[in-house]
Structure formats: C-alpha cells, structure tokens
Amino acid sequence: MNKQTIVLSLCAMVFLGITAPSESVAGPIFEEKGAFTVGFQGQYGLLMGEATETEHFDNGAGYAVRLRYYLGRNRALGVSLERQSFAGGDAISPDERPEEMNVSVVTVDYFWYFDRKSQLTHYITVGAGVHHPGRDYSAYVSADDEWVGYSTVGPDGIALSLGAGLEYFFHRVVAVDLSARGYGLFGQDGTLGSVQAAVGFNFYITN
C-alpha cells in the first residue's frame, strides 16, 4: 500500500468519525445552495488509444479527491484531483521494459443531478482541465549486469472527461459514490484516453 492510499484511507476514516455521531436518518440532507461535498474514491482504469503509451502500458488502480459546490436546482460545480496509474505491459526490447505510467489529472466538473432528494440519486458530469503524465522504465546495463530504472515526464496536455454515477445515502451526511468516466488526454503523440470505474464516499458539509 503506497503513501497516497494510506493518506486517503486516513482522511476517509476521520470524516466517518466526524459524521458518525450525527443523526443517522435515511435519505440525504436537504441541500441548500452552497452545500459543500468532499469525496474520496479509489478507481481502476484502462489506457486506450493509438499513442505510443498504449503499446507499453495497460491498466491499473488509482485514486481521486473530488470537491463539489451545490449551485441549487440540481446542479453542482466541482474540482477533481486524480492520479491514474497503469501497469507496464510487454517489453519494449530485450533490454528495456515499461514499469508503470502515472497520470495526474485536474479537472473542473459540472454536474446534473436526478432524483436529488431521494436516498438513491443519479448524476451525469462533464469536465475539462489538464493532465501531467509520467512513465517509469527499467533498462538492462550489460556493463553492470543489472536492471536500472529511469523515468520520463510530459508532455502536459488538455484533459476532457464525461461520466455518470450514482450516490446512495446510508447516512444523513454520507453517501457511497459509484461512477464511471471516460477521459480524452490530448497533447501526446497520438490519440490517448482512459476509462475509469470509481467507488468511494462523499461527505456533506452545510451551513
């Protein structure tokens, strides 16, 4: 378990501890304009497209922190901070192999909610922002008779997202959030995108 996963798990536990003493009424709280949501999600995704990266990297786990501000009338504005990871696939050559690709994605998101005041609510979302890729490789150095790791980063580019999800309120101010999103990652040497399935918790903060 890496440090980022540990930190996110601790944050989720702290929020659960804070919200547990409050009244456990089924169904969501009444959301007035200005209600704030903090969400933590684990996710798993697949890299796809025609860019060089898709020949070297495949799928893997990641995580996301999502913030939302309720605008009223079943609309919300949010910010997503994600780390998408993809494990290395086939060796590039006998002396070089891919290890892992990590993509940091930051988007501003817009949400449309349906059945917002029910215990189970649905939403669709679109987002736009930037992404920053990094790739880890290992190469065989014959002079030292060992494998040596090295990394490459960039280029950065524009990220667009489109997704849908649902929230189930098992507590008055806590919901399970299950979603799926597709991403277009522009600025690489070809068509590049990813598909991510995510699950986590949303914590609601109101005035």
N, C-alpha and C. Protein backbone atom coordinates (compact mmCIF):
# COMPACT_ATOMS: atom_id res chain seq x y z
N MET A 1 0.85 -1.19 0.00
CA MET A 1 0.00 0.00 0.00
C MET A 1 0.89 1.25 0.00
N ASN A 2 0.70 2.16 -1.00
CA ASN A 2 1.56 3.32 -1.06
C ASN A 2 1.09 4.41 -0.11
N LYS A 3 1.93 5.46 0.02
CA LYS A 3 1.65 6.52 0.98
C LYS A 3 0.35 7.26 0.64
N GLN A 4 0.09 7.49 -0.66
CA GLN A 4 -1.10 8.22 -1.05
C GLN A 4 -2.37 7.47 -0.64
N THR A 5 -2.36 6.14 -0.82
CA THR A 5 -3.52 5.34 -0.43
C THR A 5 -3.74 5.38 1.07
N ILE A 6 -2.66 5.34 1.83
CA ILE A 6 -2.76 5.41 3.28
C ILE A 6 -3.35 6.74 3.73
N VAL A 7 -2.88 7.83 3.13
CA VAL A 7 -3.39 9.16 3.48
C VAL A 7 -4.88 9.28 3.18
N LEU A 8 -5.30 8.82 1.98
CA LEU A 8 -6.71 8.88 1.63
C LEU A 8 -7.56 8.04 2.56
N SER A 9 -7.07 6.86 2.93
CA SER A 9 -7.81 6.00 3.86
C SER A 9 -7.98 6.66 5.22
N LEU A 10 -6.92 7.30 5.70
CA LEU A 10 -7.00 8.00 6.99
C LEU A 10 -7.98 9.16 6.93
N CYS A 11 -7.96 9.91 5.81
CA CYS A 11 -8.89 11.03 5.65
C CYS A 11 -10.34 10.54 5.68
N ALA A 12 -10.60 9.45 4.97
CA ALA A 12 -11.96 8.89 4.95
C ALA A 12 -12.39 8.44 6.34
N MET A 13 -11.48 7.83 7.09
CA MET A 13 -11.80 7.39 8.45
C MET A 13 -12.09 8.57 9.36
N VAL A 14 -11.32 9.67 9.20
CA VAL A 14 -11.56 10.87 10.01
C VAL A 14 -12.94 11.44 9.72
N PHE A 15 -13.30 11.54 8.44
CA PHE A 15 -14.61 12.07 8.09
C PHE A 15 -15.73 11.17 8.60
N LEU A 16 -15.54 9.86 8.53
CA LEU A 16 -16.54 8.94 9.07
C LEU A 16 -16.70 9.13 10.57
N GLY A 17 -15.58 9.34 11.26
CA GLY A 17 -15.63 9.56 12.70
C GLY A 17 -16.35 10.84 13.06
N ILE A 18 -16.18 11.87 12.23
CA ILE A 18 -16.83 13.15 12.49
C ILE A 18 -18.33 13.07 12.27
N THR A 19 -18.73 12.36 11.22
CA THR A 19 -20.15 12.32 10.86
C THR A 19 -20.94 11.26 11.61
N ALA A 20 -20.27 10.25 12.15
CA ALA A 20 -20.98 9.15 12.82
C ALA A 20 -21.88 9.61 13.97
N PRO A 21 -21.47 10.58 14.82
CA PRO A 21 -22.33 10.97 15.94
C PRO A 21 -23.61 11.67 15.52
N SER A 22 -23.69 12.21 14.29
CA SER A 22 -24.88 12.94 13.87
C SER A 22 -26.03 11.98 13.63
N GLU A 23 -27.22 12.53 13.53
CA GLU A 23 -28.42 11.73 13.41
C GLU A 23 -28.40 10.87 12.15
N SER A 24 -28.56 9.58 12.29
CA SER A 24 -28.50 8.65 11.16
C SER A 24 -29.89 8.45 10.56
N VAL A 25 -30.30 9.42 9.78
CA VAL A 25 -31.60 9.35 9.13
C VAL A 25 -31.41 8.94 7.69
N ALA A 26 -32.19 7.96 7.22
CA ALA A 26 -32.06 7.52 5.84
C ALA A 26 -32.44 8.66 4.91
N GLY A 27 -31.76 8.73 3.80
CA GLY A 27 -32.02 9.79 2.83
C GLY A 27 -31.08 10.95 3.03
N PRO A 28 -30.87 11.74 1.99
CA PRO A 28 -29.90 12.84 2.06
C PRO A 28 -30.40 14.01 2.87
N ILE A 29 -29.48 14.85 3.26
CA ILE A 29 -29.83 16.12 3.89
C ILE A 29 -30.44 17.02 2.83
N PHE A 30 -31.22 17.98 3.27
CA PHE A 30 -31.75 18.95 2.32
C PHE A 30 -30.61 19.87 1.90
N GLU A 31 -30.33 19.88 0.60
CA GLU A 31 -29.19 20.64 0.11
C GLU A 31 -29.59 22.05 -0.30
N GLU A 32 -29.16 23.01 0.47
CA GLU A 32 -29.35 24.40 0.10
C GLU A 32 -28.20 24.82 -0.80
N LYS A 33 -28.40 25.88 -1.52
CA LYS A 33 -27.34 26.41 -2.35
C LYS A 33 -26.14 26.74 -1.47
N GLY A 34 -24.96 26.27 -1.88
CA GLY A 34 -23.76 26.49 -1.10
C GLY A 34 -23.29 25.30 -0.31
N ALA A 35 -24.06 24.19 -0.32
CA ALA A 35 -23.62 22.98 0.36
C ALA A 35 -22.32 22.47 -0.29
N PHE A 36 -21.40 22.01 0.52
CA PHE A 36 -20.07 21.60 0.06
C PHE A 36 -19.89 20.11 0.28
N THR A 37 -19.29 19.44 -0.69
CA THR A 37 -19.07 17.99 -0.62
C THR A 37 -17.58 17.69 -0.79
N VAL A 38 -17.07 16.82 0.07
CA VAL A 38 -15.71 16.31 -0.05
C VAL A 38 -15.81 14.80 -0.31
N GLY A 39 -15.20 14.35 -1.41
CA GLY A 39 -15.29 12.94 -1.77
C GLY A 39 -13.92 12.30 -1.94
N PHE A 40 -13.83 11.04 -1.55
CA PHE A 40 -12.61 10.25 -1.72
C PHE A 40 -12.99 8.98 -2.47
N GLN A 41 -12.28 8.67 -3.54
CA GLN A 41 -12.59 7.50 -4.34
C GLN A 41 -11.34 6.72 -4.72
N GLY A 42 -11.48 5.40 -4.70
CA GLY A 42 -10.49 4.54 -5.33
C GLY A 42 -11.01 4.19 -6.72
N GLN A 43 -10.12 3.98 -7.67
CA GLN A 43 -10.59 3.71 -9.02
C GLN A 43 -9.66 2.74 -9.74
N TYR A 44 -10.19 2.17 -10.81
CA TYR A 44 -9.43 1.24 -11.64
C TYR A 44 -9.74 1.55 -13.08
N GLY A 45 -8.68 1.63 -13.92
CA GLY A 45 -8.91 2.07 -15.28
C GLY A 45 -8.06 1.38 -16.32
N LEU A 46 -8.41 1.67 -17.55
CA LEU A 46 -7.76 1.10 -18.72
C LEU A 46 -7.28 2.22 -19.63
N LEU A 47 -6.02 2.13 -20.07
CA LEU A 47 -5.46 3.08 -21.02
C LEU A 47 -5.81 2.62 -22.43
N MET A 48 -6.20 3.56 -23.28
CA MET A 48 -6.61 3.18 -24.62
C MET A 48 -6.26 4.28 -25.63
N GLY A 49 -6.26 3.90 -26.91
CA GLY A 49 -5.95 4.85 -27.97
C GLY A 49 -4.86 4.33 -28.88
N GLU A 50 -4.27 5.25 -29.67
CA GLU A 50 -3.25 4.89 -30.64
C GLU A 50 -1.89 5.49 -30.31
N ALA A 51 -1.78 6.21 -29.21
CA ALA A 51 -0.50 6.80 -28.83
C ALA A 51 0.49 5.71 -28.41
N THR A 52 1.77 6.05 -28.41
CA THR A 52 2.82 5.09 -28.06
C THR A 52 2.60 4.47 -26.68
N GLU A 53 2.09 5.27 -25.74
CA GLU A 53 1.90 4.77 -24.38
C GLU A 53 1.01 3.54 -24.32
N THR A 54 0.03 3.45 -25.21
CA THR A 54 -0.89 2.30 -25.17
C THR A 54 -0.21 1.00 -25.58
N GLU A 55 0.94 1.09 -26.23
CA GLU A 55 1.69 -0.11 -26.60
C GLU A 55 2.52 -0.62 -25.42
N HIS A 56 2.78 0.25 -24.44
CA HIS A 56 3.68 -0.10 -23.34
C HIS A 56 2.96 -0.27 -22.00
N PHE A 57 1.77 0.35 -21.85
CA PHE A 57 1.09 0.33 -20.56
C PHE A 57 -0.35 -0.10 -20.75
N ASP A 58 -0.92 -0.71 -19.70
CA ASP A 58 -2.21 -1.37 -19.85
C ASP A 58 -3.27 -0.81 -18.90
N ASN A 59 -3.39 -1.37 -17.71
CA ASN A 59 -4.42 -0.96 -16.77
C ASN A 59 -3.85 -0.89 -15.37
N GLY A 60 -4.63 -0.35 -14.44
CA GLY A 60 -4.15 -0.26 -13.07
C GLY A 60 -5.06 0.57 -12.18
N ALA A 61 -4.72 0.61 -10.89
CA ALA A 61 -5.52 1.29 -9.88
C ALA A 61 -5.05 2.73 -9.68
N GLY A 62 -5.96 3.56 -9.21
CA GLY A 62 -5.64 4.95 -8.92
C GLY A 62 -6.55 5.47 -7.82
N TYR A 63 -6.59 6.78 -7.65
CA TYR A 63 -7.46 7.38 -6.63
C TYR A 63 -7.82 8.79 -7.04
N ALA A 64 -8.83 9.34 -6.38
CA ALA A 64 -9.31 10.69 -6.70
C ALA A 64 -9.83 11.37 -5.44
N VAL A 65 -9.65 12.67 -5.38
CA VAL A 65 -10.28 13.54 -4.39
C VAL A 65 -11.19 14.48 -5.17
N ARG A 66 -12.46 14.53 -4.79
CA ARG A 66 -13.42 15.33 -5.53
C ARG A 66 -14.13 16.31 -4.59
N LEU A 67 -14.15 17.57 -4.98
CA LEU A 67 -14.82 18.62 -4.23
C LEU A 67 -15.98 19.15 -5.07
N ARG A 68 -17.12 19.38 -4.42
CA ARG A 68 -18.30 19.88 -5.13
C ARG A 68 -18.98 20.99 -4.35
N TYR A 69 -19.49 21.95 -5.09
CA TYR A 69 -20.24 23.07 -4.52
C TYR A 69 -21.61 23.07 -5.16
N TYR A 70 -22.66 22.94 -4.33
CA TYR A 70 -24.01 22.81 -4.86
C TYR A 70 -24.54 24.19 -5.27
N LEU A 71 -24.96 24.30 -6.54
CA LEU A 71 -25.43 25.56 -7.10
C LEU A 71 -26.93 25.74 -6.97
N GLY A 72 -27.63 24.70 -6.52
CA GLY A 72 -29.08 24.73 -6.50
C GLY A 72 -29.65 24.22 -7.80
N ARG A 73 -30.95 23.94 -7.80
CA ARG A 73 -31.64 23.47 -8.99
C ARG A 73 -30.97 22.24 -9.62
N ASN A 74 -30.55 21.32 -8.76
CA ASN A 74 -29.97 20.05 -9.21
C ASN A 74 -28.69 20.22 -10.03
N ARG A 75 -27.90 21.22 -9.71
CA ARG A 75 -26.65 21.47 -10.41
C ARG A 75 -25.53 21.65 -9.38
N ALA A 76 -24.32 21.28 -9.76
CA ALA A 76 -23.17 21.48 -8.88
C ALA A 76 -21.93 21.73 -9.71
N LEU A 77 -21.00 22.45 -9.12
CA LEU A 77 -19.70 22.72 -9.74
C LEU A 77 -18.64 22.05 -8.89
N GLY A 78 -17.68 21.38 -9.52
CA GLY A 78 -16.69 20.64 -8.74
C GLY A 78 -15.29 20.72 -9.30
N VAL A 79 -14.36 20.20 -8.51
CA VAL A 79 -12.97 20.06 -8.91
C VAL A 79 -12.53 18.65 -8.58
N SER A 80 -11.92 17.96 -9.54
CA SER A 80 -11.41 16.60 -9.33
C SER A 80 -9.89 16.60 -9.41
N LEU A 81 -9.27 15.95 -8.44
CA LEU A 81 -7.82 15.76 -8.41
C LEU A 81 -7.57 14.26 -8.45
N GLU A 82 -7.00 13.77 -9.54
CA GLU A 82 -6.87 12.33 -9.73
C GLU A 82 -5.43 11.92 -10.01
N ARG A 83 -5.15 10.68 -9.64
CA ARG A 83 -3.92 10.02 -10.04
C ARG A 83 -4.30 8.69 -10.67
N GLN A 84 -4.15 8.60 -11.97
CA GLN A 84 -4.44 7.38 -12.70
C GLN A 84 -3.13 6.63 -12.93
N SER A 85 -3.11 5.34 -12.64
CA SER A 85 -1.90 4.53 -12.78
C SER A 85 -2.17 3.35 -13.71
N PHE A 86 -1.16 3.01 -14.52
CA PHE A 86 -1.28 1.92 -15.47
C PHE A 86 0.00 1.09 -15.45
N ALA A 87 -0.16 -0.20 -15.27
CA ALA A 87 1.00 -1.10 -15.17
C ALA A 87 1.63 -1.31 -16.54
N GLY A 88 2.92 -1.61 -16.53
CA GLY A 88 3.64 -1.87 -17.76
C GLY A 88 3.19 -3.17 -18.41
N GLY A 89 3.25 -3.21 -19.73
CA GLY A 89 2.86 -4.40 -20.47
C GLY A 89 4.05 -5.14 -21.03
N ASP A 90 4.02 -5.44 -22.32
CA ASP A 90 5.10 -6.19 -22.96
C ASP A 90 6.38 -5.39 -22.99
N ALA A 91 7.51 -6.10 -22.95
CA ALA A 91 8.82 -5.45 -23.01
C ALA A 91 8.98 -4.72 -24.34
N ILE A 92 9.63 -3.56 -24.28
CA ILE A 92 9.90 -2.78 -25.48
C ILE A 92 10.95 -3.48 -26.32
N SER A 93 11.95 -4.03 -25.65
CA SER A 93 13.03 -4.78 -26.29
C SER A 93 13.62 -5.71 -25.24
N PRO A 94 14.54 -6.60 -25.60
CA PRO A 94 15.14 -7.49 -24.60
C PRO A 94 15.85 -6.74 -23.48
N ASP A 95 16.24 -5.49 -23.76
CA ASP A 95 17.00 -4.73 -22.77
C ASP A 95 16.22 -3.57 -22.17
N GLU A 96 14.95 -3.49 -22.46
CA GLU A 96 14.16 -2.37 -21.94
C GLU A 96 12.71 -2.81 -21.74
N ARG A 97 12.14 -2.40 -20.60
CA ARG A 97 10.76 -2.78 -20.32
C ARG A 97 10.05 -1.65 -19.57
N PRO A 98 8.75 -1.46 -19.83
CA PRO A 98 7.96 -0.45 -19.12
C PRO A 98 7.55 -0.97 -17.75
N GLU A 99 7.54 -0.09 -16.75
CA GLU A 99 7.16 -0.50 -15.40
C GLU A 99 5.79 0.06 -15.00
N GLU A 100 5.62 1.38 -15.10
CA GLU A 100 4.35 1.99 -14.68
C GLU A 100 4.22 3.37 -15.29
N MET A 101 2.99 3.74 -15.61
CA MET A 101 2.67 5.08 -16.07
C MET A 101 1.70 5.71 -15.09
N ASN A 102 1.99 6.92 -14.64
CA ASN A 102 1.12 7.65 -13.74
C ASN A 102 0.69 8.95 -14.42
N VAL A 103 -0.59 9.25 -14.37
CA VAL A 103 -1.11 10.46 -14.98
C VAL A 103 -1.86 11.26 -13.91
N SER A 104 -1.39 12.46 -13.63
CA SER A 104 -2.10 13.37 -12.74
C SER A 104 -3.10 14.16 -13.56
N VAL A 105 -4.36 14.15 -13.14
CA VAL A 105 -5.43 14.82 -13.88
C VAL A 105 -6.15 15.78 -12.93
N VAL A 106 -6.30 17.03 -13.36
CA VAL A 106 -7.06 18.03 -12.61
C VAL A 106 -8.12 18.59 -13.55
N THR A 107 -9.39 18.47 -13.16
CA THR A 107 -10.47 18.98 -14.00
C THR A 107 -11.45 19.80 -13.17
N VAL A 108 -12.09 20.74 -13.82
CA VAL A 108 -13.25 21.44 -13.27
C VAL A 108 -14.48 20.75 -13.84
N ASP A 109 -15.39 20.33 -12.98
CA ASP A 109 -16.52 19.49 -13.38
C ASP A 109 -17.85 20.19 -13.18
N TYR A 110 -18.80 19.86 -14.04
CA TYR A 110 -20.17 20.36 -13.90
C TYR A 110 -21.09 19.15 -13.79
N PHE A 111 -22.01 19.18 -12.81
CA PHE A 111 -22.87 18.04 -12.51
C PHE A 111 -24.34 18.38 -12.73
N TRP A 112 -25.07 17.41 -13.29
CA TRP A 112 -26.52 17.45 -13.35
C TRP A 112 -27.04 16.28 -12.52
N TYR A 113 -27.88 16.56 -11.53
CA TYR A 113 -28.43 15.52 -10.65
C TYR A 113 -29.86 15.17 -11.05
N PHE A 114 -30.23 13.91 -10.76
CA PHE A 114 -31.59 13.43 -10.98
C PHE A 114 -32.06 12.74 -9.71
N ASP A 115 -33.34 12.93 -9.36
CA ASP A 115 -33.89 12.36 -8.12
C ASP A 115 -33.05 12.79 -6.93
N ARG A 116 -32.73 14.08 -6.88
CA ARG A 116 -31.74 14.56 -5.92
C ARG A 116 -32.17 14.37 -4.46
N LYS A 117 -33.45 14.42 -4.18
CA LYS A 117 -33.88 14.34 -2.79
C LYS A 117 -34.24 12.92 -2.35
N SER A 118 -33.92 11.94 -3.18
CA SER A 118 -34.19 10.55 -2.81
C SER A 118 -32.93 9.94 -2.19
N GLN A 119 -33.09 8.77 -1.61
CA GLN A 119 -31.97 8.08 -0.98
C GLN A 119 -30.93 7.63 -2.02
N LEU A 120 -31.40 7.33 -3.23
CA LEU A 120 -30.52 6.95 -4.32
C LEU A 120 -30.66 7.98 -5.43
N THR A 121 -29.60 8.73 -5.68
CA THR A 121 -29.65 9.79 -6.68
C THR A 121 -28.63 9.52 -7.78
N HIS A 122 -28.91 10.01 -8.97
CA HIS A 122 -28.05 9.79 -10.13
C HIS A 122 -27.51 11.11 -10.64
N TYR A 123 -26.42 11.04 -11.38
CA TYR A 123 -25.88 12.27 -11.97
C TYR A 123 -25.09 11.96 -13.23
N ILE A 124 -24.95 12.98 -14.07
CA ILE A 124 -24.01 12.95 -15.18
C ILE A 124 -23.08 14.14 -15.01
N THR A 125 -21.88 14.04 -15.55
CA THR A 125 -20.90 15.08 -15.35
C THR A 125 -20.01 15.24 -16.57
N VAL A 126 -19.59 16.47 -16.82
CA VAL A 126 -18.59 16.76 -17.84
C VAL A 126 -17.50 17.58 -17.17
N GLY A 127 -16.28 17.46 -17.66
CA GLY A 127 -15.17 18.17 -17.05
C GLY A 127 -14.10 18.55 -18.06
N ALA A 128 -13.32 19.54 -17.71
CA ALA A 128 -12.20 19.97 -18.55
C ALA A 128 -11.07 20.45 -17.65
N GLY A 129 -9.84 20.15 -18.06
CA GLY A 129 -8.69 20.55 -17.25
C GLY A 129 -7.39 20.18 -17.93
N VAL A 130 -6.43 19.74 -17.14
CA VAL A 130 -5.10 19.41 -17.66
C VAL A 130 -4.65 18.07 -17.11
N HIS A 131 -3.69 17.45 -17.80
CA HIS A 131 -3.10 16.21 -17.31
C HIS A 131 -1.58 16.28 -17.43
N HIS A 132 -0.91 15.54 -16.54
CA HIS A 132 0.55 15.52 -16.50
C HIS A 132 1.00 14.06 -16.40
N PRO A 133 1.52 13.47 -17.48
CA PRO A 133 1.92 12.06 -17.45
C PRO A 133 3.38 11.87 -17.05
N GLY A 134 3.64 10.75 -16.39
CA GLY A 134 5.00 10.33 -16.07
C GLY A 134 5.12 8.83 -16.28
N ARG A 135 6.26 8.38 -16.79
CA ARG A 135 6.44 6.97 -17.13
C ARG A 135 7.73 6.44 -16.51
N ASP A 136 7.64 5.26 -15.93
CA ASP A 136 8.81 4.59 -15.34
C ASP A 136 9.20 3.39 -16.20
N TYR A 137 10.48 3.27 -16.47
CA TYR A 137 11.02 2.17 -17.26
C TYR A 137 12.21 1.56 -16.52
N SER A 138 12.63 0.40 -16.97
CA SER A 138 13.89 -0.18 -16.50
C SER A 138 14.66 -0.66 -17.72
N ALA A 139 15.98 -0.50 -17.67
CA ALA A 139 16.84 -0.89 -18.79
C ALA A 139 17.98 -1.75 -18.27
N TYR A 140 18.38 -2.71 -19.06
CA TYR A 140 19.46 -3.60 -18.68
C TYR A 140 20.80 -2.98 -19.09
N VAL A 141 21.68 -2.84 -18.10
CA VAL A 141 23.03 -2.30 -18.34
C VAL A 141 23.99 -3.49 -18.31
N SER A 142 24.46 -3.87 -19.49
CA SER A 142 25.30 -5.07 -19.58
C SER A 142 26.63 -4.91 -18.85
N ALA A 143 27.16 -3.69 -18.83
CA ALA A 143 28.44 -3.46 -18.15
C ALA A 143 28.35 -3.77 -16.66
N ASP A 144 27.19 -3.48 -16.07
CA ASP A 144 26.99 -3.72 -14.64
C ASP A 144 26.18 -4.99 -14.38
N ASP A 145 25.68 -5.59 -15.46
CA ASP A 145 24.87 -6.81 -15.35
C ASP A 145 23.70 -6.62 -14.38
N GLU A 146 22.95 -5.51 -14.57
CA GLU A 146 21.79 -5.26 -13.71
C GLU A 146 20.79 -4.36 -14.45
N TRP A 147 19.56 -4.37 -13.92
CA TRP A 147 18.50 -3.53 -14.46
C TRP A 147 18.49 -2.20 -13.71
N VAL A 148 18.42 -1.12 -14.44
CA VAL A 148 18.44 0.23 -13.87
C VAL A 148 17.16 0.95 -14.26
N GLY A 149 16.51 1.58 -13.30
CA GLY A 149 15.28 2.30 -13.57
C GLY A 149 15.53 3.73 -14.00
N TYR A 150 14.63 4.22 -14.84
CA TYR A 150 14.68 5.63 -15.23
C TYR A 150 13.25 6.09 -15.54
N SER A 151 13.04 7.40 -15.57
CA SER A 151 11.70 7.94 -15.75
C SER A 151 11.69 9.02 -16.82
N THR A 152 10.54 9.20 -17.44
CA THR A 152 10.30 10.30 -18.37
C THR A 152 8.99 10.98 -17.96
N VAL A 153 8.87 12.28 -18.18
CA VAL A 153 7.66 13.02 -17.84
C VAL A 153 7.21 13.85 -19.03
N GLY A 154 5.90 14.20 -19.02
CA GLY A 154 5.34 15.05 -20.04
C GLY A 154 5.17 14.33 -21.37
N PRO A 155 4.71 15.07 -22.39
CA PRO A 155 4.28 16.47 -22.28
C PRO A 155 2.91 16.61 -21.63
N ASP A 156 2.67 17.75 -20.98
CA ASP A 156 1.37 18.02 -20.40
C ASP A 156 0.37 18.33 -21.52
N GLY A 157 -0.89 18.21 -21.21
CA GLY A 157 -1.91 18.48 -22.22
C GLY A 157 -3.28 18.72 -21.61
N ILE A 158 -4.24 18.95 -22.48
CA ILE A 158 -5.62 19.17 -22.07
C ILE A 158 -6.30 17.84 -21.77
N ALA A 159 -7.16 17.84 -20.75
CA ALA A 159 -7.95 16.65 -20.40
C ALA A 159 -9.43 17.00 -20.43
N LEU A 160 -10.23 16.16 -21.07
CA LEU A 160 -11.68 16.29 -21.08
C LEU A 160 -12.29 15.01 -20.52
N SER A 161 -13.37 15.13 -19.78
CA SER A 161 -14.00 13.95 -19.18
C SER A 161 -15.51 13.98 -19.36
N LEU A 162 -16.08 12.80 -19.40
CA LEU A 162 -17.53 12.63 -19.49
C LEU A 162 -17.88 11.39 -18.68
N GLY A 163 -18.86 11.52 -17.78
CA GLY A 163 -19.16 10.38 -16.94
C GLY A 163 -20.56 10.40 -16.36
N ALA A 164 -20.86 9.35 -15.63
CA ALA A 164 -22.15 9.22 -14.95
C ALA A 164 -21.93 8.45 -13.66
N GLY A 165 -22.83 8.65 -12.71
CA GLY A 165 -22.67 7.94 -11.44
C GLY A 165 -23.93 7.96 -10.63
N LEU A 166 -23.85 7.36 -9.46
CA LEU A 166 -24.97 7.36 -8.52
C LEU A 166 -24.43 7.48 -7.11
N GLU A 167 -25.26 8.05 -6.25
CA GLU A 167 -24.95 8.18 -4.83
C GLU A 167 -26.04 7.49 -4.03
N TYR A 168 -25.62 6.71 -3.06
CA TYR A 168 -26.55 6.08 -2.14
C TYR A 168 -26.28 6.60 -0.74
N PHE A 169 -27.30 7.28 -0.15
CA PHE A 169 -27.15 7.85 1.19
C PHE A 169 -27.51 6.81 2.24
N PHE A 170 -26.48 6.27 2.91
CA PHE A 170 -26.74 5.36 4.02
C PHE A 170 -26.69 6.10 5.34
N HIS A 171 -26.40 7.38 5.31
CA HIS A 171 -26.31 8.25 6.47
C HIS A 171 -26.78 9.63 6.03
N ARG A 172 -27.19 10.42 6.96
CA ARG A 172 -27.74 11.73 6.62
C ARG A 172 -26.75 12.62 5.87
N VAL A 173 -25.46 12.50 6.17
CA VAL A 173 -24.46 13.37 5.54
C VAL A 173 -23.34 12.59 4.86
N VAL A 174 -23.54 11.28 4.64
CA VAL A 174 -22.52 10.46 4.00
C VAL A 174 -23.18 9.59 2.93
N ALA A 175 -22.55 9.54 1.76
CA ALA A 175 -23.09 8.74 0.66
C ALA A 175 -21.98 7.93 0.02
N VAL A 176 -22.35 6.74 -0.46
CA VAL A 176 -21.45 5.96 -1.31
C VAL A 176 -21.59 6.49 -2.73
N ASP A 177 -20.48 6.75 -3.38
CA ASP A 177 -20.47 7.30 -4.73
C ASP A 177 -19.83 6.28 -5.67
N LEU A 178 -20.59 5.84 -6.66
CA LEU A 178 -20.12 4.88 -7.66
C LEU A 178 -20.23 5.55 -9.03
N SER A 179 -19.13 5.59 -9.78
CA SER A 179 -19.15 6.32 -11.05
C SER A 179 -18.25 5.65 -12.08
N ALA A 180 -18.47 6.04 -13.33
CA ALA A 180 -17.62 5.63 -14.45
C ALA A 180 -17.39 6.85 -15.31
N ARG A 181 -16.13 7.05 -15.74
CA ARG A 181 -15.78 8.22 -16.54
C ARG A 181 -14.85 7.83 -17.68
N GLY A 182 -15.02 8.52 -18.78
CA GLY A 182 -14.10 8.40 -19.89
C GLY A 182 -13.32 9.69 -20.04
N TYR A 183 -12.03 9.60 -20.39
CA TYR A 183 -11.15 10.76 -20.48
C TYR A 183 -10.48 10.82 -21.84
N GLY A 184 -10.41 12.01 -22.38
CA GLY A 184 -9.58 12.29 -23.54
C GLY A 184 -8.35 13.05 -23.07
N LEU A 185 -7.17 12.52 -23.34
CA LEU A 185 -5.91 13.11 -22.89
C LEU A 185 -5.16 13.61 -24.12
N PHE A 186 -5.23 14.90 -24.36
CA PHE A 186 -4.70 15.49 -25.59
C PHE A 186 -3.30 16.07 -25.38
N GLY A 187 -2.53 16.10 -26.46
CA GLY A 187 -1.19 16.67 -26.38
C GLY A 187 -0.09 15.63 -26.44
N GLN A 188 -0.44 14.34 -26.61
CA GLN A 188 0.55 13.29 -26.73
C GLN A 188 0.85 13.03 -28.21
N ASP A 189 1.55 11.96 -28.51
CA ASP A 189 1.95 11.71 -29.90
C ASP A 189 0.91 10.95 -30.71
N GLY A 190 -0.32 10.96 -30.21
CA GLY A 190 -1.42 10.29 -30.88
C GLY A 190 -2.65 10.31 -30.01
N THR A 191 -3.69 9.61 -30.44
CA THR A 191 -4.93 9.55 -29.67
C THR A 191 -4.70 8.78 -28.37
N LEU A 192 -5.04 9.40 -27.24
CA LEU A 192 -4.83 8.77 -25.94
C LEU A 192 -6.02 9.08 -25.04
N GLY A 193 -6.49 8.07 -24.34
CA GLY A 193 -7.60 8.25 -23.42
C GLY A 193 -7.59 7.16 -22.37
N SER A 194 -8.51 7.26 -21.44
CA SER A 194 -8.64 6.23 -20.40
C SER A 194 -10.10 6.13 -20.00
N VAL A 195 -10.44 4.98 -19.44
CA VAL A 195 -11.75 4.73 -18.86
C VAL A 195 -11.53 4.32 -17.42
N GLN A 196 -12.25 4.96 -16.48
CA GLN A 196 -12.06 4.70 -15.06
C GLN A 196 -13.38 4.37 -14.38
N ALA A 197 -13.40 3.30 -13.60
CA ALA A 197 -14.52 2.98 -12.72
C ALA A 197 -14.08 3.29 -11.30
N ALA A 198 -14.92 4.02 -10.55
CA ALA A 198 -14.51 4.50 -9.23
C ALA A 198 -15.61 4.27 -8.20
N VAL A 199 -15.19 4.07 -6.95
CA VAL A 199 -16.13 3.95 -5.84
C VAL A 199 -15.50 4.57 -4.61
N GLY A 200 -16.33 5.24 -3.80
CA GLY A 200 -15.81 5.88 -2.60
C GLY A 200 -16.93 6.50 -1.79
N PHE A 201 -16.57 7.48 -0.95
CA PHE A 201 -17.51 8.12 -0.05
C PHE A 201 -17.54 9.63 -0.31
N ASN A 202 -18.74 10.20 -0.20
CA ASN A 202 -18.91 11.65 -0.22
C ASN A 202 -19.39 12.12 1.15
N PHE A 203 -18.79 13.19 1.63
CA PHE A 203 -19.14 13.76 2.93
C PHE A 203 -19.69 15.16 2.72
N TYR A 204 -20.86 15.42 3.26
CA TYR A 204 -21.56 16.69 3.02
C TYR A 204 -21.38 17.65 4.19
N ILE A 205 -21.08 18.89 3.84
CA ILE A 205 -20.88 19.96 4.83
C ILE A 205 -21.83 21.09 4.47
N THR A 206 -22.67 21.49 5.41
CA THR A 206 -23.63 22.58 5.17
C THR A 206 -23.46 23.65 6.22
N ASN A 207 -24.07 24.78 5.95
CA ASN A 207 -24.02 25.90 6.90
C ASN A 207 -24.82 25.57 8.15
